[in-house]
Structure formats: structure tokens, C-alpha cells
N, C-alpha and C. Protein backbone atom coordinates (compact mmCIF):
# COMPACT_ATOMS: atom_id res chain seq x y z
N MET A 1 0.79 -1.28 0.33
CA MET A 1 -0.14 0.12 0.09
C MET A 1 0.90 1.14 -0.12
N LYS A 2 0.22 2.18 -0.52
CA LYS A 2 1.01 3.68 -1.28
C LYS A 2 1.38 4.07 0.64
N LYS A 3 1.63 4.90 1.00
CA LYS A 3 1.85 5.84 1.99
C LYS A 3 1.04 7.17 2.29
N PRO A 4 0.36 7.68 0.96
CA PRO A 4 -0.66 9.22 1.37
C PRO A 4 -2.34 8.00 1.37
N ALA A 5 -2.49 6.97 0.99
CA ALA A 5 -3.54 5.89 0.95
C ALA A 5 -3.63 5.46 2.32
N LEU A 6 -2.51 5.35 3.29
CA LEU A 6 -2.07 4.63 4.39
C LEU A 6 -2.58 5.94 5.12
N ILE A 7 -2.07 6.95 4.92
CA ILE A 7 -2.03 7.82 5.65
C ILE A 7 -3.45 8.22 5.62
N ALA A 8 -4.11 8.62 4.57
CA ALA A 8 -6.36 9.05 4.68
C ALA A 8 -6.66 8.16 5.38
N LEU A 9 -6.40 6.76 5.16
CA LEU A 9 -7.47 5.52 5.99
C LEU A 9 -7.23 5.77 7.35
N ILE A 10 -5.80 6.55 8.04
CA ILE A 10 -6.07 7.03 9.85
C ILE A 10 -6.67 7.91 9.73
N TRP A 11 -6.80 8.68 9.14
CA TRP A 11 -7.61 10.12 9.48
C TRP A 11 -9.08 9.35 9.02
N MET A 12 -9.54 8.80 8.17
CA MET A 12 -11.03 8.34 8.19
C MET A 12 -11.43 7.56 9.80
N LEU A 13 -10.61 6.59 9.65
CA LEU A 13 -10.78 5.71 11.25
C LEU A 13 -11.12 7.01 12.61
N ALA A 14 -9.91 8.06 12.08
CA ALA A 14 -10.04 9.02 13.61
C ALA A 14 -11.35 9.67 13.73
N LEU A 15 -11.78 10.33 12.56
CA LEU A 15 -13.01 10.53 12.37
C LEU A 15 -14.44 9.90 12.96
N ALA A 16 -14.44 8.51 12.69
CA ALA A 16 -15.47 7.94 12.79
C ALA A 16 -15.47 7.84 14.46
N VAL A 17 -14.19 7.89 14.97
CA VAL A 17 -14.17 7.25 16.76
C VAL A 17 -14.54 9.14 17.04
N VAL A 18 -14.21 10.14 16.70
CA VAL A 18 -14.82 11.02 17.19
C VAL A 18 -16.33 10.94 17.14
N LEU A 19 -16.59 11.10 15.90
CA LEU A 19 -18.22 11.39 15.65
C LEU A 19 -19.16 10.38 16.63
N ALA A 20 -18.39 8.94 17.24
CA ALA A 20 -19.29 8.13 17.81
C ALA A 20 -19.24 8.67 19.22
N LEU A 21 -18.21 9.59 19.53
CA LEU A 21 -18.11 9.90 21.00
C LEU A 21 -19.28 10.88 20.98
N VAL A 22 -19.05 11.98 19.59
CA VAL A 22 -20.12 12.99 19.99
C VAL A 22 -21.59 12.70 20.16
N GLY A 23 -21.74 11.50 19.37
CA GLY A 23 -23.10 10.86 18.94
C GLY A 23 -23.50 10.45 20.50
N ARG A 24 -22.84 9.68 21.65
CA ARG A 24 -23.16 9.26 22.78
C ARG A 24 -23.53 10.13 23.30
N HIS A 25 -22.34 11.63 23.73
CA HIS A 25 -22.99 12.25 24.25
C HIS A 25 -24.09 13.48 23.75
N GLN A 26 -24.79 13.38 23.29
CA GLN A 26 -26.15 13.93 22.44
C GLN A 26 -27.15 12.96 22.99
N THR A 27 -26.63 11.94 22.96
CA THR A 27 -28.03 10.83 23.46
C THR A 27 -28.56 11.05 24.94
N GLU A 28 -26.98 11.18 25.51
CA GLU A 28 -27.13 11.55 27.03
C GLU A 28 -27.62 12.61 27.77
N ALA A 29 -27.58 13.51 26.82
CA ALA A 29 -27.91 14.88 27.26
C ALA A 29 -29.96 15.12 26.85
N MET A 30 -29.73 14.50 25.89
CA MET A 30 -31.54 14.20 25.40
C MET A 30 -31.96 13.44 26.22
N GLU A 31 -31.87 12.67 26.80
CA GLU A 31 -32.37 11.49 27.70
C GLU A 31 -32.67 12.53 29.40
N ALA A 32 -31.46 13.29 29.80
CA ALA A 32 -31.79 14.57 30.79
C ALA A 32 -32.53 15.39 30.56
N VAL A 33 -32.61 15.80 29.36
CA VAL A 33 -33.70 16.99 29.02
C VAL A 33 -34.90 16.41 29.02
N ALA A 34 -35.81 15.19 28.76
CA ALA A 34 -36.83 14.98 28.71
C ALA A 34 -37.30 14.29 30.23
N GLY A 35 -36.99 13.93 31.22
CA GLY A 35 -36.55 13.70 32.33
C GLY A 35 -37.33 12.00 32.67
N VAL A 36 -36.30 11.77 31.64
CA VAL A 36 -36.81 9.80 31.66
C VAL A 36 -35.87 9.33 32.96
N HIS A 37 -36.66 9.02 33.64
CA HIS A 37 -36.32 8.52 35.08
C HIS A 37 -36.70 6.73 34.96
N VAL A 38 -36.25 6.40 35.10
CA VAL A 38 -36.33 4.80 35.50
C VAL A 38 -36.54 4.29 36.66
N THR A 39 -37.72 3.90 37.51
CA THR A 39 -38.19 4.16 39.04
C THR A 39 -38.59 2.40 38.96
N ASN A 40 -38.48 2.02 40.19
CA ASN A 40 -38.96 0.88 40.73
C ASN A 40 -38.51 -0.33 39.20
N VAL A 41 -38.11 -0.70 39.02
CA VAL A 41 -37.50 -1.81 38.48
C VAL A 41 -37.60 -3.09 38.94
N THR A 42 -38.57 -3.76 38.70
CA THR A 42 -38.94 -5.03 39.65
C THR A 42 -37.76 -6.33 38.97
N ALA A 43 -36.99 -6.68 39.32
CA ALA A 43 -35.93 -7.47 38.99
C ALA A 43 -36.78 -8.80 38.53
N VAL A 44 -36.95 -9.53 37.63
CA VAL A 44 -37.38 -10.10 37.12
C VAL A 44 -36.73 -11.93 37.56
N PRO A 45 -37.12 -12.62 38.60
CA PRO A 45 -35.95 -13.84 39.14
C PRO A 45 -35.79 -14.32 37.86
N THR A 46 -34.50 -14.82 37.90
CA THR A 46 -34.39 -15.61 36.74
C THR A 46 -33.88 -16.66 37.30
N ALA A 47 -34.88 -17.89 36.75
CA ALA A 47 -34.87 -19.32 37.10
C ALA A 47 -33.64 -19.88 36.92
N ASP A 48 -33.59 -20.67 38.10
CA ASP A 48 -32.25 -21.48 38.62
C ASP A 48 -31.78 -21.86 37.49
N PRO A 49 -30.80 -21.71 36.84
CA PRO A 49 -30.08 -22.57 36.41
C PRO A 49 -30.45 -24.57 36.51
N THR A 50 -31.08 -25.33 35.82
CA THR A 50 -30.63 -26.61 36.10
C THR A 50 -29.37 -27.27 35.94
N PRO A 51 -28.96 -27.42 37.36
CA PRO A 51 -28.11 -27.80 37.37
C PRO A 51 -26.98 -28.98 36.43
N THR A 52 -26.18 -28.51 35.83
CA THR A 52 -25.89 -29.36 34.60
C THR A 52 -24.76 -30.18 35.71
N ALA A 53 -24.39 -31.68 35.20
CA ALA A 53 -23.88 -32.36 36.05
C ALA A 53 -22.28 -32.64 35.72
N THR A 54 -21.76 -32.26 36.88
CA THR A 54 -20.55 -32.43 36.88
C THR A 54 -19.83 -33.79 36.66
N ALA A 55 -18.89 -33.65 35.58
CA ALA A 55 -18.09 -34.93 35.30
C ALA A 55 -16.63 -35.11 36.55
N THR A 56 -16.99 -36.04 37.18
CA THR A 56 -16.56 -36.42 38.07
C THR A 56 -15.14 -37.05 37.38
N PRO A 57 -14.05 -36.03 37.38
CA PRO A 57 -12.61 -36.40 37.08
C PRO A 57 -12.07 -37.46 37.16
N ILE A 58 -11.88 -38.64 36.31
CA ILE A 58 -11.48 -39.80 36.74
C ILE A 58 -9.78 -39.18 36.79
N PRO A 59 -9.54 -39.72 38.27
CA PRO A 59 -8.06 -39.67 38.27
C PRO A 59 -7.13 -40.15 37.70
N GLU A 60 -5.87 -39.91 37.07
CA GLU A 60 -5.41 -40.34 36.14
C GLU A 60 -3.93 -41.40 37.39
N PRO A 61 -4.14 -42.34 36.59
CA PRO A 61 -3.29 -43.38 37.37
C PRO A 61 -2.15 -42.75 37.44
N THR A 62 -1.41 -43.38 38.82
CA THR A 62 -0.65 -43.24 39.60
C THR A 62 0.60 -43.77 38.65
N PRO A 63 1.46 -42.83 38.08
CA PRO A 63 2.73 -43.66 36.97
C PRO A 63 3.40 -44.72 38.60
N THR A 64 3.49 -46.00 37.86
CA THR A 64 4.41 -46.83 38.46
C THR A 64 5.61 -46.77 38.33
N ALA A 65 6.63 -46.29 39.52
CA ALA A 65 7.72 -46.14 39.14
C ALA A 65 8.73 -47.59 38.78
N THR A 66 9.26 -47.27 37.88
CA THR A 66 9.39 -48.65 36.83
C THR A 66 10.91 -48.74 37.41
N PRO A 67 11.07 -49.88 37.86
CA PRO A 67 12.25 -49.83 39.06
C PRO A 67 14.07 -49.73 38.49
N THR A 68 14.50 -49.32 38.93
CA THR A 68 15.82 -48.99 38.64
C THR A 68 16.89 -50.39 38.25
N PRO A 69 17.13 -50.84 36.86
CA PRO A 69 17.51 -52.15 37.07
C PRO A 69 19.02 -51.92 37.80
N VAL A 70 18.98 -53.17 38.25
CA VAL A 70 20.46 -53.25 39.57
C VAL A 70 21.48 -53.62 38.58
N PRO A 71 22.41 -52.81 38.35
CA PRO A 71 23.80 -53.28 37.34
C PRO A 71 24.38 -54.51 37.72
N THR A 72 24.52 -55.29 36.43
CA THR A 72 24.98 -56.50 37.01
C THR A 72 26.15 -56.55 37.28
N PRO A 73 26.87 -56.96 38.21
CA PRO A 73 28.10 -56.92 38.98
C PRO A 73 28.90 -57.39 37.98
N THR A 74 30.17 -56.71 37.73
CA THR A 74 31.08 -56.95 36.70
C THR A 74 31.66 -58.13 37.39
N ALA A 75 32.17 -59.17 36.90
CA ALA A 75 33.47 -60.24 37.21
C ALA A 75 34.54 -59.71 37.57
N THR A 76 34.93 -59.38 38.60
CA THR A 76 36.53 -59.05 39.10
C THR A 76 37.32 -60.16 38.47
N ALA A 77 38.08 -59.76 37.69
CA ALA A 77 39.31 -61.30 37.80
C ALA A 77 40.12 -61.32 39.07
N THR A 78 39.85 -62.45 39.44
CA THR A 78 40.79 -62.75 40.87
C THR A 78 42.77 -62.98 40.46
N PRO A 79 43.11 -61.81 40.95
CA PRO A 79 44.47 -61.63 40.42
C PRO A 79 45.27 -63.19 40.83
N THR A 80 46.21 -63.51 39.89
CA THR A 80 46.84 -64.74 40.20
C THR A 80 47.32 -64.71 41.41
N PRO A 81 47.70 -65.87 42.10
CA PRO A 81 48.74 -65.13 43.15
C PRO A 81 50.36 -65.93 42.63
N GLU A 82 50.80 -64.62 43.30
CA GLU A 82 52.51 -64.93 42.61
C GLU A 82 52.77 -66.60 43.11
N PRO A 83 53.51 -67.30 42.22
CA PRO A 83 54.32 -68.24 43.12
C PRO A 83 55.10 -68.07 43.94
N THR A 84 55.02 -69.05 45.02
CA THR A 84 55.94 -68.44 46.62
C THR A 84 57.12 -69.55 46.50
N PRO A 85 58.18 -68.50 46.06
CA PRO A 85 59.42 -69.24 45.71
C PRO A 85 60.12 -70.42 46.62
N THR A 86 60.34 -71.36 45.89
CA THR A 86 60.46 -72.42 46.68
C THR A 86 62.26 -72.43 47.04
N ALA A 87 62.03 -72.59 48.76
CA ALA A 87 63.15 -72.02 48.92
C ALA A 87 64.64 -73.45 48.76
N THR A 88 65.37 -73.11 48.95
CA THR A 88 66.62 -73.42 47.92
C THR A 88 67.02 -74.14 49.07
N ALA A 89 67.15 -75.57 49.46
CA ALA A 89 67.46 -76.34 49.99
C ALA A 89 69.32 -75.80 50.58
N LYS A 90 69.84 -75.62 50.99
CA LYS A 90 71.07 -75.26 51.38
C LYS A 90 71.44 -76.18 51.67
N PRO A 91 73.31 -76.52 50.87
CA PRO A 91 74.23 -77.86 51.07
C PRO A 91 74.35 -77.92 52.28
N THR A 92 73.87 -79.38 52.96
CA THR A 92 74.49 -79.90 54.40
C THR A 92 76.05 -80.13 54.44
N PRO A 93 76.38 -79.05 55.08
CA PRO A 93 77.99 -79.00 55.29
C PRO A 93 79.03 -80.41 55.84
N GLU A 94 79.36 -80.57 55.14
CA GLU A 94 80.02 -82.19 55.19
C GLU A 94 80.76 -82.32 57.17
N PRO A 95 79.83 -83.60 57.65
CA PRO A 95 80.73 -83.12 59.12
C PRO A 95 82.32 -83.16 59.10
N THR A 96 82.85 -82.53 59.93
CA THR A 96 83.90 -82.34 60.36
C THR A 96 84.50 -84.19 60.97
N PRO A 97 85.47 -84.54 60.38
CA PRO A 97 86.07 -86.03 60.65
C PRO A 97 86.28 -85.75 62.26
N THR A 98 85.63 -86.67 63.08
CA THR A 98 86.02 -86.45 64.70
C THR A 98 87.35 -87.31 64.73
N ALA A 99 88.19 -86.91 64.95
CA ALA A 99 89.77 -87.79 65.35
C ALA A 99 89.02 -88.74 66.27
N THR A 100 89.63 -90.00 65.65
CA THR A 100 89.32 -91.46 66.37
C THR A 100 90.36 -91.44 67.22
N ALA A 101 89.92 -91.73 68.69
CA ALA A 101 91.00 -91.96 69.94
C ALA A 101 91.49 -93.49 69.89
N THR A 102 92.40 -93.50 69.72
CA THR A 102 93.11 -95.27 69.28
C THR A 102 93.05 -95.67 70.80
N PRO A 103 91.87 -96.69 70.79
CA PRO A 103 91.93 -97.19 71.81
C PRO A 103 93.10 -98.14 72.71
N THR A 104 93.05 -97.95 74.11
CA THR A 104 94.53 -98.25 74.71
C THR A 104 94.72 -99.77 74.84
N PRO A 105 95.44 -100.28 74.78
CA PRO A 105 95.56 -101.65 74.90
C PRO A 105 95.24 -102.55 75.97
N VAL A 106 94.85 -103.55 76.03
CA VAL A 106 94.02 -103.92 77.38
C VAL A 106 95.43 -104.95 77.88
N PRO A 107 96.27 -104.85 78.54
CA PRO A 107 97.42 -105.45 78.80
C PRO A 107 96.80 -106.96 78.89
N THR A 108 97.50 -107.73 78.41
CA THR A 108 97.19 -109.74 78.56
C THR A 108 97.64 -109.73 80.04
N PRO A 109 96.42 -110.56 80.22
CA PRO A 109 96.78 -111.01 81.83
C PRO A 109 98.06 -112.09 81.66
N ALA A 110 99.17 -111.77 82.71
CA ALA A 110 99.79 -113.24 82.65
C ALA A 110 99.57 -114.26 83.26
N PRO A 111 100.17 -115.00 82.57
CA PRO A 111 99.84 -116.98 82.34
C PRO A 111 100.14 -116.94 83.82
N THR A 112 98.88 -118.14 84.40
CA THR A 112 98.56 -118.75 85.33
C THR A 112 99.27 -119.86 85.35
N LEU A 113 100.23 -119.37 86.14
CA LEU A 113 101.59 -120.97 86.41
C LEU A 113 101.56 -122.20 87.57
N GLU A 114 101.11 -122.92 87.41
CA GLU A 114 100.89 -123.89 88.27
C GLU A 114 101.36 -124.90 88.39
N ALA A 115 102.30 -125.66 89.87
CA ALA A 115 103.05 -126.74 89.20
C ALA A 115 102.29 -127.33 90.55
N VAL A 116 102.01 -128.71 90.02
CA VAL A 116 101.02 -130.04 90.85
C VAL A 116 102.35 -131.32 90.91
N GLY A 117 102.60 -131.72 91.89
CA GLY A 117 103.71 -132.80 92.13
C GLY A 117 104.64 -132.12 91.06
N GLY A 118 104.90 -133.20 89.42
CA GLY A 118 106.21 -133.16 88.78
C GLY A 118 105.37 -132.74 87.66
N ALA A 119 104.18 -132.43 87.52
CA ALA A 119 103.31 -131.19 86.65
C ALA A 119 103.48 -129.63 86.49
N MET A 120 103.03 -128.98 85.61
CA MET A 120 103.28 -127.75 85.32
C MET A 120 102.17 -127.70 84.35
N THR A 121 101.20 -126.46 85.32
CA THR A 121 99.94 -126.05 84.67
C THR A 121 99.90 -124.23 84.16
N LEU A 122 99.57 -124.31 83.01
CA LEU A 122 99.39 -122.85 82.21
C LEU A 122 97.98 -122.40 81.42
N SER A 123 97.96 -121.08 81.64
CA SER A 123 96.39 -120.54 81.25
C SER A 123 96.99 -119.75 80.44
N VAL A 124 96.28 -119.66 79.10
CA VAL A 124 96.51 -118.74 78.17
C VAL A 124 95.73 -118.22 77.45
N PRO A 125 95.41 -117.05 76.88
CA PRO A 125 94.36 -116.74 76.43
C PRO A 125 94.38 -117.37 74.68
N GLY A 126 93.26 -118.11 74.11
CA GLY A 126 93.00 -118.49 72.71
C GLY A 126 91.91 -118.03 72.22
N TYR A 127 91.61 -118.52 71.54
CA TYR A 127 90.53 -117.80 70.03
C TYR A 127 89.10 -117.57 70.63
N ALA A 128 88.55 -118.25 71.56
CA ALA A 128 87.28 -118.12 72.04
C ALA A 128 87.20 -117.68 73.60
N GLY A 129 88.50 -118.20 74.35
CA GLY A 129 88.63 -118.16 75.66
C GLY A 129 90.13 -118.81 76.13
N ASP A 130 89.67 -118.73 77.59
CA ASP A 130 91.49 -119.48 77.96
C ASP A 130 91.40 -121.09 77.62
N ILE A 131 92.76 -120.92 77.49
CA ILE A 131 93.14 -122.50 77.15
C ILE A 131 94.33 -122.91 78.43
N THR A 132 94.00 -124.34 78.84
CA THR A 132 94.96 -124.53 79.98
C THR A 132 95.55 -125.72 79.65
N VAL A 133 97.46 -125.24 79.68
CA VAL A 133 97.72 -126.57 79.19
C VAL A 133 98.98 -127.12 80.33
N THR A 134 98.71 -128.45 80.38
CA THR A 134 99.52 -129.71 81.24
C THR A 134 100.00 -129.87 81.10
N ILE A 135 101.80 -130.38 81.50
CA ILE A 135 102.65 -131.28 81.09
C ILE A 135 103.84 -131.84 82.36
N GLU A 136 104.35 -132.82 81.79
CA GLU A 136 105.13 -133.30 82.89
C GLU A 136 106.61 -133.27 81.98
N THR A 137 107.53 -133.16 82.97
CA THR A 137 108.81 -133.51 82.08
C THR A 137 110.36 -134.43 82.48
N ASP A 138 111.15 -134.65 81.92
CA ASP A 138 111.63 -135.67 82.40
C ASP A 138 113.18 -134.70 82.93
N GLU A 139 114.19 -134.98 83.43
CA GLU A 139 115.51 -135.31 83.77
C GLU A 139 115.82 -133.80 82.54
N GLN A 140 115.80 -134.23 81.61
CA GLN A 140 116.32 -133.43 80.33
C GLN A 140 115.12 -132.43 80.25
N GLY A 141 114.30 -132.03 80.58
CA GLY A 141 113.57 -131.12 80.23
C GLY A 141 112.51 -131.22 78.79
N LEU A 142 112.58 -133.20 78.61
CA LEU A 142 111.47 -133.36 77.58
C LEU A 142 110.02 -133.46 78.00
N ILE A 143 109.19 -133.33 77.45
CA ILE A 143 108.26 -133.57 77.69
C ILE A 143 107.64 -135.02 77.41
N THR A 144 106.96 -135.58 78.57
CA THR A 144 106.50 -136.62 78.60
C THR A 144 104.64 -137.02 78.71
N THR A 145 104.48 -135.77 79.32
CA THR A 145 102.86 -136.10 79.59
C THR A 145 102.77 -134.46 79.27
N LEU A 146 101.46 -134.64 77.93
CA LEU A 146 101.21 -132.98 77.61
C LEU A 146 99.22 -133.21 77.52
N ILE A 147 98.46 -132.21 78.38
CA ILE A 147 96.79 -132.33 78.23
C ILE A 147 96.71 -130.96 78.19
N VAL A 148 95.92 -130.64 76.98
CA VAL A 148 95.22 -129.42 76.64
C VAL A 148 93.79 -129.61 76.94
N ASP A 149 93.27 -128.41 77.65
CA ASP A 149 91.78 -128.23 77.89
C ASP A 149 90.99 -126.57 77.11
N ALA A 150 90.76 -127.49 76.05
CA ALA A 150 90.26 -126.08 74.82
C ALA A 150 88.94 -126.70 74.90
N ALA A 151 88.08 -126.76 75.58
CA ALA A 151 86.49 -126.66 75.68
C ALA A 151 86.00 -125.73 75.24
N CYS A 152 86.81 -124.36 75.46
CA CYS A 152 86.12 -123.20 75.30
C CYS A 152 86.45 -122.56 73.85
N GLU A 153 86.88 -123.66 72.80
CA GLU A 153 87.18 -123.57 71.46
C GLU A 153 86.24 -123.64 70.69
N THR A 154 86.58 -123.34 69.37
CA THR A 154 85.37 -124.00 68.40
C THR A 154 85.11 -125.51 67.98
N ALA A 155 83.92 -126.70 67.97
CA ALA A 155 84.43 -127.76 67.94
C ALA A 155 84.74 -127.93 66.53
N GLY A 156 85.64 -128.72 66.47
CA GLY A 156 85.86 -129.40 64.98
C GLY A 156 87.01 -128.88 64.49
N LEU A 157 87.17 -127.15 64.92
CA LEU A 157 88.41 -126.45 64.75
C LEU A 157 89.52 -126.29 65.91
N GLY A 158 89.17 -125.66 66.67
CA GLY A 158 90.57 -125.00 68.26
C GLY A 158 90.03 -125.96 68.93
N ARG A 159 88.96 -127.16 68.86
CA ARG A 159 88.98 -128.50 69.97
C ARG A 159 90.18 -129.36 69.81
N LYS A 160 90.37 -129.35 68.00
CA LYS A 160 91.26 -130.19 68.06
C LYS A 160 92.61 -130.24 68.74
N CYS A 161 93.13 -129.12 69.19
CA CYS A 161 94.20 -129.00 69.36
C CYS A 161 94.51 -129.71 71.13
N ALA A 162 93.25 -130.35 71.51
CA ALA A 162 93.38 -131.03 72.72
C ALA A 162 93.45 -132.37 72.50
N GLU A 163 93.41 -133.22 70.89
CA GLU A 163 93.30 -134.44 70.49
C GLU A 163 94.50 -135.15 70.47
N GLU A 164 94.78 -136.31 71.18
CA GLU A 164 96.47 -136.91 71.04
C GLU A 164 96.78 -137.13 69.81
N HIS A 165 96.55 -137.17 68.98
CA HIS A 165 96.74 -137.29 67.73
C HIS A 165 97.27 -136.07 67.46
N TRP A 166 97.11 -134.84 67.60
CA TRP A 166 97.77 -133.72 67.68
C TRP A 166 98.93 -132.93 68.58
N LEU A 167 98.92 -133.65 70.06
CA LEU A 167 99.73 -133.95 70.95
C LEU A 167 100.59 -134.57 70.70
N GLU A 168 100.53 -135.17 70.20
CA GLU A 168 101.82 -136.41 70.55
C GLU A 168 103.05 -135.82 69.29
N GLN A 169 103.35 -135.22 68.86
CA GLN A 169 103.87 -134.55 68.14
C GLN A 169 104.91 -133.82 68.95
N PHE A 170 104.47 -133.24 70.10
CA PHE A 170 105.44 -132.65 71.35
C PHE A 170 105.87 -133.53 72.26
N ILE A 171 105.53 -135.03 72.02
CA ILE A 171 105.71 -135.63 73.23
C ILE A 171 107.20 -136.01 72.60
N GLY A 172 108.41 -136.37 73.72
CA GLY A 172 109.88 -136.36 73.73
C GLY A 172 110.54 -135.11 73.00
N GLN A 173 110.02 -133.82 72.95
CA GLN A 173 110.22 -132.39 72.51
C GLN A 173 110.57 -131.60 73.56
N THR A 174 111.43 -130.59 73.40
CA THR A 174 111.25 -129.61 74.51
C THR A 174 111.31 -128.08 73.44
N ALA A 175 110.97 -127.55 74.62
CA ALA A 175 111.20 -126.39 74.06
C ALA A 175 112.51 -124.95 73.20
N PRO A 176 112.46 -124.41 72.48
CA PRO A 176 111.30 -123.70 72.05
C PRO A 176 110.61 -123.87 71.11
N PHE A 177 109.40 -124.25 70.53
CA PHE A 177 108.83 -124.60 69.97
C PHE A 177 108.03 -123.28 68.54
N VAL A 178 107.77 -123.63 67.37
CA VAL A 178 107.50 -122.74 66.53
C VAL A 178 106.58 -123.13 65.62
N LEU A 179 105.41 -123.06 64.98
CA LEU A 179 104.26 -123.64 64.09
C LEU A 179 105.23 -123.38 62.81
N HIS A 180 104.99 -124.47 61.74
CA HIS A 180 105.48 -124.90 60.54
C HIS A 180 104.52 -123.28 59.76
N SER A 181 103.94 -123.21 59.99
CA SER A 181 103.76 -121.73 59.56
C SER A 181 103.92 -120.86 59.53
N SER A 182 104.91 -120.30 60.30
CA SER A 182 106.04 -119.43 61.07
C SER A 182 107.00 -119.59 60.28
N ALA A 183 108.06 -118.41 60.11
CA ALA A 183 109.27 -119.24 59.56
C ALA A 183 110.29 -120.06 60.22
N ASP A 184 110.64 -121.14 59.72
CA ASP A 184 111.43 -121.91 60.59
C ASP A 184 112.43 -121.48 60.99
N MET A 185 112.86 -121.63 61.73
CA MET A 185 113.95 -120.64 62.83
C MET A 185 115.25 -121.95 63.42
N PRO A 186 116.66 -121.63 62.97
CA PRO A 186 117.58 -122.49 63.61
C PRO A 186 117.19 -123.02 65.31
N GLY A 187 117.26 -123.79 66.15
CA GLY A 187 117.15 -124.12 67.30
C GLY A 187 115.71 -124.11 67.84
N MET A 188 115.31 -124.38 66.81
CA MET A 188 113.75 -124.34 67.45
C MET A 188 112.71 -125.58 66.74
N THR A 189 111.73 -126.02 67.65
CA THR A 189 111.51 -127.09 66.70
C THR A 189 110.01 -126.67 66.53
N ALA A 190 109.78 -127.21 64.97
CA ALA A 190 108.38 -126.73 64.32
C ALA A 190 107.62 -128.12 64.56
N VAL A 191 106.56 -126.94 64.40
CA VAL A 191 105.13 -128.24 64.56
C VAL A 191 103.89 -127.82 64.01
N ASP A 192 103.04 -128.67 63.79
CA ASP A 192 102.21 -128.22 62.67
C ASP A 192 101.15 -127.72 63.38
N ALA A 193 100.73 -126.48 63.16
CA ALA A 193 98.83 -125.81 63.31
C ALA A 193 97.70 -127.05 63.25
N VAL A 194 96.93 -126.81 63.81
CA VAL A 194 95.42 -127.27 63.20
C VAL A 194 95.13 -126.82 62.21
N SER A 195 94.45 -127.41 61.15
CA SER A 195 93.96 -126.65 60.10
C SER A 195 92.87 -125.87 60.82
N TYR A 196 92.85 -124.47 60.07
CA TYR A 196 91.64 -123.27 60.05
C TYR A 196 91.58 -123.05 61.85
N ALA A 197 92.83 -123.19 62.52
CA ALA A 197 92.57 -123.37 64.30
C ALA A 197 93.82 -122.65 64.43
N THR A 198 94.74 -122.09 63.70
CA THR A 198 96.07 -121.00 63.76
C THR A 198 96.20 -120.91 64.82
N ILE A 199 94.65 -119.56 65.76
CA ILE A 199 95.13 -118.89 66.90
C ILE A 199 95.05 -119.74 67.68
N THR A 200 94.54 -120.74 68.22
CA THR A 200 94.47 -121.78 69.08
C THR A 200 95.96 -122.45 69.38
N SER A 201 96.50 -122.83 68.10
CA SER A 201 97.49 -123.49 67.91
C SER A 201 98.54 -122.89 68.22
N GLN A 202 99.00 -121.76 67.68
CA GLN A 202 99.75 -120.79 68.69
C GLN A 202 99.95 -120.54 69.54
N ALA A 203 98.47 -120.63 70.60
CA ALA A 203 98.38 -120.55 71.94
C ALA A 203 98.75 -121.66 72.84
N VAL A 204 98.65 -122.94 72.23
CA VAL A 204 99.47 -123.86 72.97
C VAL A 204 101.02 -123.94 72.84
N VAL A 205 101.39 -123.49 71.64
CA VAL A 205 102.48 -123.23 71.59
C VAL A 205 103.67 -122.05 72.67
N ASP A 206 102.77 -121.07 72.83
CA ASP A 206 102.80 -120.18 73.26
C ASP A 206 102.96 -120.63 74.70
N ALA A 207 102.16 -121.51 75.42
CA ALA A 207 101.79 -121.84 76.92
C ALA A 207 103.09 -123.17 76.63
N LEU A 208 103.29 -123.69 75.70
CA LEU A 208 104.69 -124.67 76.37
C LEU A 208 106.04 -124.02 76.30
N ASN A 209 106.24 -122.76 75.58
CA ASN A 209 107.44 -122.16 75.58
C ASN A 209 107.88 -121.90 76.72
N GLN A 210 106.59 -120.83 77.39
CA GLN A 210 106.93 -120.16 78.57
C GLN A 210 107.30 -121.18 79.59
N LEU A 211 106.17 -122.35 79.74
CA LEU A 211 106.35 -124.02 80.68
C LEU A 211 107.63 -124.46 80.55
N LEU A 212 108.29 -124.83 79.51
CA LEU A 212 109.68 -124.84 79.48
C LEU A 212 110.49 -123.72 79.22
N THR A 213 111.01 -122.39 79.68
CA THR A 213 111.58 -122.05 79.02
C THR A 213 112.15 -121.29 80.65
N PRO A 214 113.63 -121.72 81.38
CA PRO A 214 113.60 -120.73 82.71
C PRO A 214 112.83 -119.55 82.82
N PRO A 215 112.53 -118.92 83.34
CA PRO A 215 112.34 -117.44 84.33
C PRO A 215 113.79 -116.55 83.61
N GLU A 216 114.66 -116.83 83.65
CA GLU A 216 115.69 -116.53 83.72
C GLU A 216 116.17 -115.78 82.12
N GLN A 217 115.82 -116.66 80.85
CA GLN A 217 115.28 -116.80 80.52
C GLN A 217 114.41 -116.25 79.35
N GLN A 218 113.38 -115.99 79.97
CA GLN A 218 112.59 -115.63 79.15
C GLN A 218 112.61 -113.94 79.19
């Protein structure tokens, strides 16, 4: 729309408003002049309106609280325990060798020499116990009687030294005696030992040498 037409329209509206106001004042003035008064106007009772049924509002359903889902626990990885270090066995130190005490040699008891009538008896250690040797000699010192008690020795071995056939080799002989198993020595009478009974045989020989050797020569 052009500007002059807009201005004309505005003026026309303003004029219409003014005319309306003027007309209203004129009408009021005319009523006052005519003495028109409205009195004792009885109000016609208005019929009570028929009550309209009020719709009972339907309560809105209370929203049910949606349960908050419990978070599923995340499985925590169990840490693998570190292996316990195995204790290294310490090498057992080798025991310090203990000096072994050298046993003190037990002195051999002196042989018991007994003279019974014309006989002489002597007890000496054998293989299993003491052996008793009894002899008789003639004027030249030759053995005429020889008795050996070897009951403590092993049967079939050392006890054979008490048998007559072994003792016969000493009859008519004199000391010093030596076993053939030892080195033959000049001036000594060699005799046979009982097989597998060298210790008992040597004990008899030692007893005879002590019985027939004068004390001053021992």
C-alpha cells in the first residue's frame, strides 16, 4: 500500500471515533432533558439454572515407578597369586671328621703257672677263651705228658688242639717250639698247626714255650 492512502485511512478511522463519541454525549443529554427516569424496576427472578452434572474427573493413574535395574556386577578377575619362591635347600656341610681315639691296648693278663707234683700248668688266651696246658717232663726237660683243655674253642676246629694225635708231636720234644706256618728258625722245634685253628694252635705253642723256658731266659 502506498503511503498517501495509508494516511487517508488513518484519518478516516480517527474521524469515525470522534463522531461516535459526539453521538453518545448527545444521546445522554437528550435523555436528561426529557426527564426520563427509570424507577421501581422489579427484577424478574431468573430461573435457577438446571444444574449441570459435573463430570467427576477420572484420576489419572499414578505412574508406577519403573524399578531401576540393578547393574549386573562385573566379574572381577581374581589376581593370580604369585608363586611362592621355593626355598633352596642349603647344602648340608660335611661333618668335620672327628679324631678317632686310638683304643688303649688292654694288657694281656700274665699266664697262670701252677706246679702240681711233677706237673706244670699254664692258662693262656685262645680264640674264644682261656686254654689250659698241663705238662710233665723228665730230667732232660723233655715232655713226657701233655694235656690241653680247649673246651671253650670251636668244635671241630680249635678243640682239635686237645686231641691226642695232635699232641703226640710234642712228646719227647722240648722248647722252644714254632709253628710250621711261621718261618722255620734254627734251634726251634717246628710243629704243625691244626687246620683253620691257627690261633688256638699258637696259644698252645706259646704256653709250652713259657712252661719250658727258665724264668731268667724269658
